[in-house]
């Protein structure tokens, strides 16, 4: 008979590890975003009149 408690705990631990990896990756990406230079905000206006 399978040991369901052992299987559940193994899956629970693996899920926690996976979540921690995702949280760490998100935090690293947020830090990279905050450290990046601001984007260029220069706009280019296009002529909205149709050409013939």
PDB file of N, CA and C in Angstrom:
ATOM      1  N   UNK A   1       0.848  -1.187   0.000  1.00  0.00           N
ATOM      2  CA  UNK A   1       0.000   0.000   0.000  1.00  0.00           C
ATOM      3  C   UNK A   1       0.889   1.243   0.000  1.00  0.00           C
ATOM      4  N   UNK A   2       0.595   2.195  -0.870  1.00  0.00           N
ATOM      5  CA  UNK A   2       1.414   3.407  -0.923  1.00  0.00           C
ATOM      6  C   UNK A   2       1.292   4.238   0.348  1.00  0.00           C
ATOM      7  N   UNK A   3       2.376   4.909   0.669  1.00  0.00           N
ATOM      8  CA  UNK A   3       2.389   5.783   1.831  1.00  0.00           C
ATOM      9  C   UNK A   3       1.957   7.177   1.365  1.00  0.00           C
ATOM     10  N   UNK A   4       0.670   7.460   1.505  1.00  0.00           N
ATOM     11  CA  UNK A   4       0.117   8.714   0.991  1.00  0.00           C
ATOM     12  C   UNK A   4       0.661   9.935   1.723  1.00  0.00           C
ATOM     13  N   UNK A   5       0.913   9.788   3.005  1.00  0.00           N
ATOM     14  CA  UNK A   5       1.458  10.918   3.760  1.00  0.00           C
ATOM     15  C   UNK A   5       2.840  11.287   3.217  1.00  0.00           C
ATOM     16  N   UNK A   6       3.678  10.289   2.979  1.00  0.00           N
ATOM     17  CA  UNK A   6       5.010  10.538   2.447  1.00  0.00           C
ATOM     18  C   UNK A   6       4.925  11.172   1.054  1.00  0.00           C
ATOM     19  N   UNK A   7       4.029  10.688   0.219  1.00  0.00           N
ATOM     20  CA  UNK A   7       3.855  11.246  -1.129  1.00  0.00           C
ATOM     21  C   UNK A   7       3.379  12.691  -1.051  1.00  0.00           C
ATOM     22  N   UNK A   8       2.436  12.960  -0.175  1.00  0.00           N
ATOM     23  CA  UNK A   8       1.907  14.317  -0.016  1.00  0.00           C
ATOM     24  C   UNK A   8       3.002  15.269   0.445  1.00  0.00           C
ATOM     25  N   UNK A   9       3.775  14.858   1.441  1.00  0.00           N
ATOM     26  CA  UNK A   9       4.819  15.722   1.972  1.00  0.00           C
ATOM     27  C   UNK A   9       5.910  15.979   0.932  1.00  0.00           C
ATOM     28  N   UNK A  10       6.245  14.967   0.142  1.00  0.00           N
ATOM     29  CA  UNK A  10       7.241  15.144  -0.914  1.00  0.00           C
ATOM     30  C   UNK A  10       6.751  16.163  -1.941  1.00  0.00           C
ATOM     31  N   UNK A  11       5.508  16.045  -2.343  1.00  0.00           N
ATOM     32  CA  UNK A  11       4.937  16.985  -3.303  1.00  0.00           C
ATOM     33  C   UNK A  11       4.849  18.387  -2.702  1.00  0.00           C
ATOM     34  N   UNK A  12       4.476  18.489  -1.461  1.00  0.00           N
ATOM     35  CA  UNK A  12       4.380  19.779  -0.786  1.00  0.00           C
ATOM     36  C   UNK A  12       5.740  20.471  -0.723  1.00  0.00           C
ATOM     37  N   UNK A  13       6.784  19.707  -0.375  1.00  0.00           N
ATOM     38  CA  UNK A  13       8.130  20.288  -0.312  1.00  0.00           C
ATOM     39  C   UNK A  13       8.593  20.762  -1.689  1.00  0.00           C
ATOM     40  N   UNK A  14       8.336  19.956  -2.707  1.00  0.00           N
ATOM     41  CA  UNK A  14       8.734  20.333  -4.064  1.00  0.00           C
ATOM     42  C   UNK A  14       7.983  21.580  -4.517  1.00  0.00           C
ATOM     43  N   UNK A  15       6.720  21.680  -4.169  1.00  0.00           N
ATOM     44  CA  UNK A  15       5.930  22.859  -4.522  1.00  0.00           C
ATOM     45  C   UNK A  15       6.492  24.101  -3.844  1.00  0.00           C
ATOM     46  N   UNK A  16       6.894  23.963  -2.605  1.00  0.00           N
ATOM     47  CA  UNK A  16       7.461  25.102  -1.877  1.00  0.00           C
ATOM     48  C   UNK A  16       8.782  25.541  -2.504  1.00  0.00           C
ATOM     49  N   UNK A  17       9.607  24.599  -2.904  1.00  0.00           N
ATOM     50  CA  UNK A  17      10.872  24.930  -3.569  1.00  0.00           C
ATOM     51  C   UNK A  17      10.593  25.677  -4.871  1.00  0.00           C
ATOM     52  N   UNK A  18       9.637  25.180  -5.652  1.00  0.00           N
ATOM     53  CA  UNK A  18       9.299  25.813  -6.928  1.00  0.00           C
ATOM     54  C   UNK A  18       8.796  27.245  -6.714  1.00  0.00           C
ATOM     55  N   UNK A  19       7.954  27.432  -5.736  1.00  0.00           N
ATOM     56  CA  UNK A  19       7.428  28.769  -5.443  1.00  0.00           C
ATOM     57  C   UNK A  19       8.552  29.704  -5.031  1.00  0.00           C
ATOM     58  N   UNK A  20       9.460  29.215  -4.207  1.00  0.00           N
ATOM     59  CA  UNK A  20      10.590  30.052  -3.774  1.00  0.00           C
ATOM     60  C   UNK A  20      11.482  30.443  -4.949  1.00  0.00           C
ATOM     61  N   UNK A  21      11.671  29.534  -5.896  1.00  0.00           N
ATOM     62  CA  UNK A  21      12.461  29.848  -7.088  1.00  0.00           C
ATOM     63  C   UNK A  21      11.775  30.948  -7.893  1.00  0.00           C
ATOM     64  N   UNK A  22      10.464  30.838  -8.069  1.00  0.00           N
ATOM     65  CA  UNK A  22       9.718  31.845  -8.826  1.00  0.00           C
ATOM     66  C   UNK A  22       9.729  33.205  -8.133  1.00  0.00           C
ATOM     67  N   UNK A  23       9.579  33.213  -6.834  1.00  0.00           N
ATOM     68  CA  UNK A  23       9.599  34.473  -6.080  1.00  0.00           C
ATOM     69  C   UNK A  23      10.970  35.133  -6.197  1.00  0.00           C
ATOM     70  N   UNK A  24      12.029  34.343  -6.078  1.00  0.00           N
ATOM     71  CA  UNK A  24      13.378  34.897  -6.195  1.00  0.00           C
ATOM     72  C   UNK A  24      13.611  35.476  -7.588  1.00  0.00           C
ATOM     73  N   UNK A  25      13.158  34.769  -8.619  1.00  0.00           N
ATOM     74  CA  UNK A  25      13.314  35.269  -9.991  1.00  0.00           C
ATOM     75  C   UNK A  25      12.540  36.568 -10.181  1.00  0.00           C
ATOM     76  N   UNK A  26      11.342  36.643  -9.638  1.00  0.00           N
ATOM     77  CA  UNK A  26      10.546  37.862  -9.758  1.00  0.00           C
ATOM     78  C   UNK A  26      11.248  39.022  -9.060  1.00  0.00           C
ATOM     79  N   UNK A  27      11.784  38.789  -7.890  1.00  0.00           N
ATOM     80  CA  UNK A  27      12.476  39.849  -7.152  1.00  0.00           C
ATOM     81  C   UNK A  27      13.718  40.327  -7.901  1.00  0.00           C
ATOM     82  N   UNK A  28      14.459  39.388  -8.506  1.00  0.00           N
ATOM     83  CA  UNK A  28      15.634  39.771  -9.291  1.00  0.00           C
ATOM     84  C   UNK A  28      15.225  40.625 -10.487  1.00  0.00           C
ATOM     85  N   UNK A  29      14.151  40.240 -11.146  1.00  0.00           N
ATOM     86  CA  UNK A  29      13.676  41.017 -12.298  1.00  0.00           C
ATOM     87  C   UNK A  29      13.206  42.405 -11.879  1.00  0.00           C
ATOM     88  N   UNK A  30      12.545  42.498 -10.744  1.00  0.00           N
ATOM     89  CA  UNK A  30      12.112  43.804 -10.247  1.00  0.00           C
ATOM     90  C   UNK A  30      13.318  44.694  -9.967  1.00  0.00           C
ATOM     91  N   UNK A  31      14.383  44.128  -9.393  1.00  0.00           N
ATOM     92  CA  UNK A  31      15.592  44.903  -9.127  1.00  0.00           C
ATOM     93  C   UNK A  31      16.227  45.373 -10.435  1.00  0.00           C
ATOM     94  N   UNK A  32      16.280  44.496 -11.436  1.00  0.00           N
ATOM     95  CA  UNK A  32      16.832  44.883 -12.735  1.00  0.00           C
ATOM     96  C   UNK A  32      16.011  46.013 -13.349  1.00  0.00           C
ATOM     97  N   UNK A  33      14.706  45.934 -13.221  1.00  0.00           N
ATOM     98  CA  UNK A  33      13.828  46.973 -13.755  1.00  0.00           C
ATOM     99  C   UNK A  33      14.080  48.304 -13.059  1.00  0.00           C
ATOM    100  N   UNK A  34      14.213  48.266 -11.752  1.00  0.00           N
ATOM    101  CA  UNK A  34      14.427  49.503 -10.995  1.00  0.00           C
ATOM    102  C   UNK A  34      15.794  50.121 -11.270  1.00  0.00           C
ATOM    103  N   UNK A  35      16.786  49.299 -11.608  1.00  0.00           N
ATOM    104  CA  UNK A  35      18.130  49.803 -11.869  1.00  0.00           C
ATOM    105  C   UNK A  35      18.327  50.239 -13.322  1.00  0.00           C
ATOM    106  N   UNK A  36      17.410  49.915 -14.195  1.00  0.00           N
ATOM    107  CA  UNK A  36      17.556  50.234 -15.618  1.00  0.00           C
ATOM    108  C   UNK A  36      17.356  51.735 -15.838  1.00  0.00           C
ATOM    109  N   UNK A  37      18.024  52.270 -16.849  1.00  0.00           N
ATOM    110  CA  UNK A  37      17.815  53.696 -17.154  1.00  0.00           C
ATOM    111  C   UNK A  37      16.393  53.911 -17.666  1.00  0.00           C
ATOM    112  N   UNK A  38      15.878  55.119 -17.494  1.00  0.00           N
ATOM    113  CA  UNK A  38      14.510  55.365 -17.960  1.00  0.00           C
ATOM    114  C   UNK A  38      14.435  55.240 -19.481  1.00  0.00           C
ATOM    115  N   UNK A  39      13.299  54.816 -19.983  1.00  0.00           N
ATOM    116  CA  UNK A  39      13.164  54.673 -21.428  1.00  0.00           C
ATOM    117  C   UNK A  39      13.164  56.035 -22.120  1.00  0.00           C
ATOM    118  N   UNK A  40      13.531  56.032 -23.374  1.00  0.00           N
ATOM    119  CA  UNK A  40      13.484  57.263 -24.175  1.00  0.00           C
ATOM    120  C   UNK A  40      12.013  57.577 -24.426  1.00  0.00           C
ATOM    121  N   UNK A  41      11.626  58.798 -24.117  1.00  0.00           N
ATOM    122  CA  UNK A  41      10.214  59.149 -24.230  1.00  0.00           C
ATOM    123  C   UNK A  41       9.948  60.078 -25.411  1.00  0.00           C
ATOM    124  N   UNK A  42      10.883  60.129 -26.338  1.00  0.00           N
ATOM    125  CA  UNK A  42      10.693  60.977 -27.505  1.00  0.00           C
ATOM    126  C   UNK A  42       9.627  60.359 -28.408  1.00  0.00           C
ATOM    127  N   UNK A  43       8.658  61.156 -28.780  1.00  0.00           N
ATOM    128  CA  UNK A  43       7.581  60.686 -29.639  1.00  0.00           C
ATOM    129  C   UNK A  43       7.776  61.198 -31.056  1.00  0.00           C
ATOM    130  N   UNK A  44       7.408  60.389 -31.996  1.00  0.00           N
ATOM    131  CA  UNK A  44       7.444  60.784 -33.393  1.00  0.00           C
ATOM    132  C   UNK A  44       6.013  60.849 -33.886  1.00  0.00           C
ATOM    133  N   UNK A  45       5.595  62.028 -34.316  1.00  0.00           N
ATOM    134  CA  UNK A  45       4.229  62.194 -34.828  1.00  0.00           C
ATOM    135  C   UNK A  45       4.202  61.825 -36.299  1.00  0.00           C
ATOM    136  N   UNK A  46       3.231  61.042 -36.664  1.00  0.00           N
ATOM    137  CA  UNK A  46       3.051  60.632 -38.057  1.00  0.00           C
ATOM    138  C   UNK A  46       1.948  61.448 -38.673  1.00  0.00           C
ATOM    139  N   UNK A  47       2.051  61.685 -39.962  1.00  0.00           N
ATOM    140  CA  UNK A  47       1.012  62.412 -40.682  1.00  0.00           C
ATOM    141  C   UNK A  47      -0.221  61.531 -40.767  1.00  0.00           C
ATOM    142  N   UNK A  48      -1.349  62.022 -40.286  1.00  0.00           N
ATOM    143  CA  UNK A  48      -2.559  61.196 -40.277  1.00  0.00           C
ATOM    144  C   UNK A  48      -3.407  61.386 -41.541  1.00  0.00           C
ATOM    145  N   UNK A  49      -2.922  62.209 -42.486  1.00  0.00           N
ATOM    146  CA  UNK A  49      -3.663  62.399 -43.715  1.00  0.00           C
ATOM    147  C   UNK A  49      -3.276  61.328 -44.713  1.00  0.00           C
ATOM    148  N   UNK A  50      -4.266  60.724 -45.354  1.00  0.00           N
ATOM    149  CA  UNK A  50      -3.942  59.673 -46.323  1.00  0.00           C
ATOM    150  C   UNK A  50      -3.236  60.255 -47.549  1.00  0.00           C
ATOM    151  N   UNK A  51      -2.306  59.495 -48.082  1.00  0.00           N
ATOM    152  CA  UNK A  51      -1.617  59.938 -49.297  1.00  0.00           C
ATOM    153  C   UNK A  51      -2.345  59.375 -50.511  1.00  0.00           C
ATOM    154  N   UNK A  52      -2.283  60.133 -51.614  1.00  0.00           N
ATOM    155  CA  UNK A  52      -2.980  59.693 -52.819  1.00  0.00           C
ATOM    156  C   UNK A  52      -2.041  59.022 -53.765  1.00  0.00           C
TER     157      UNK A  52
END
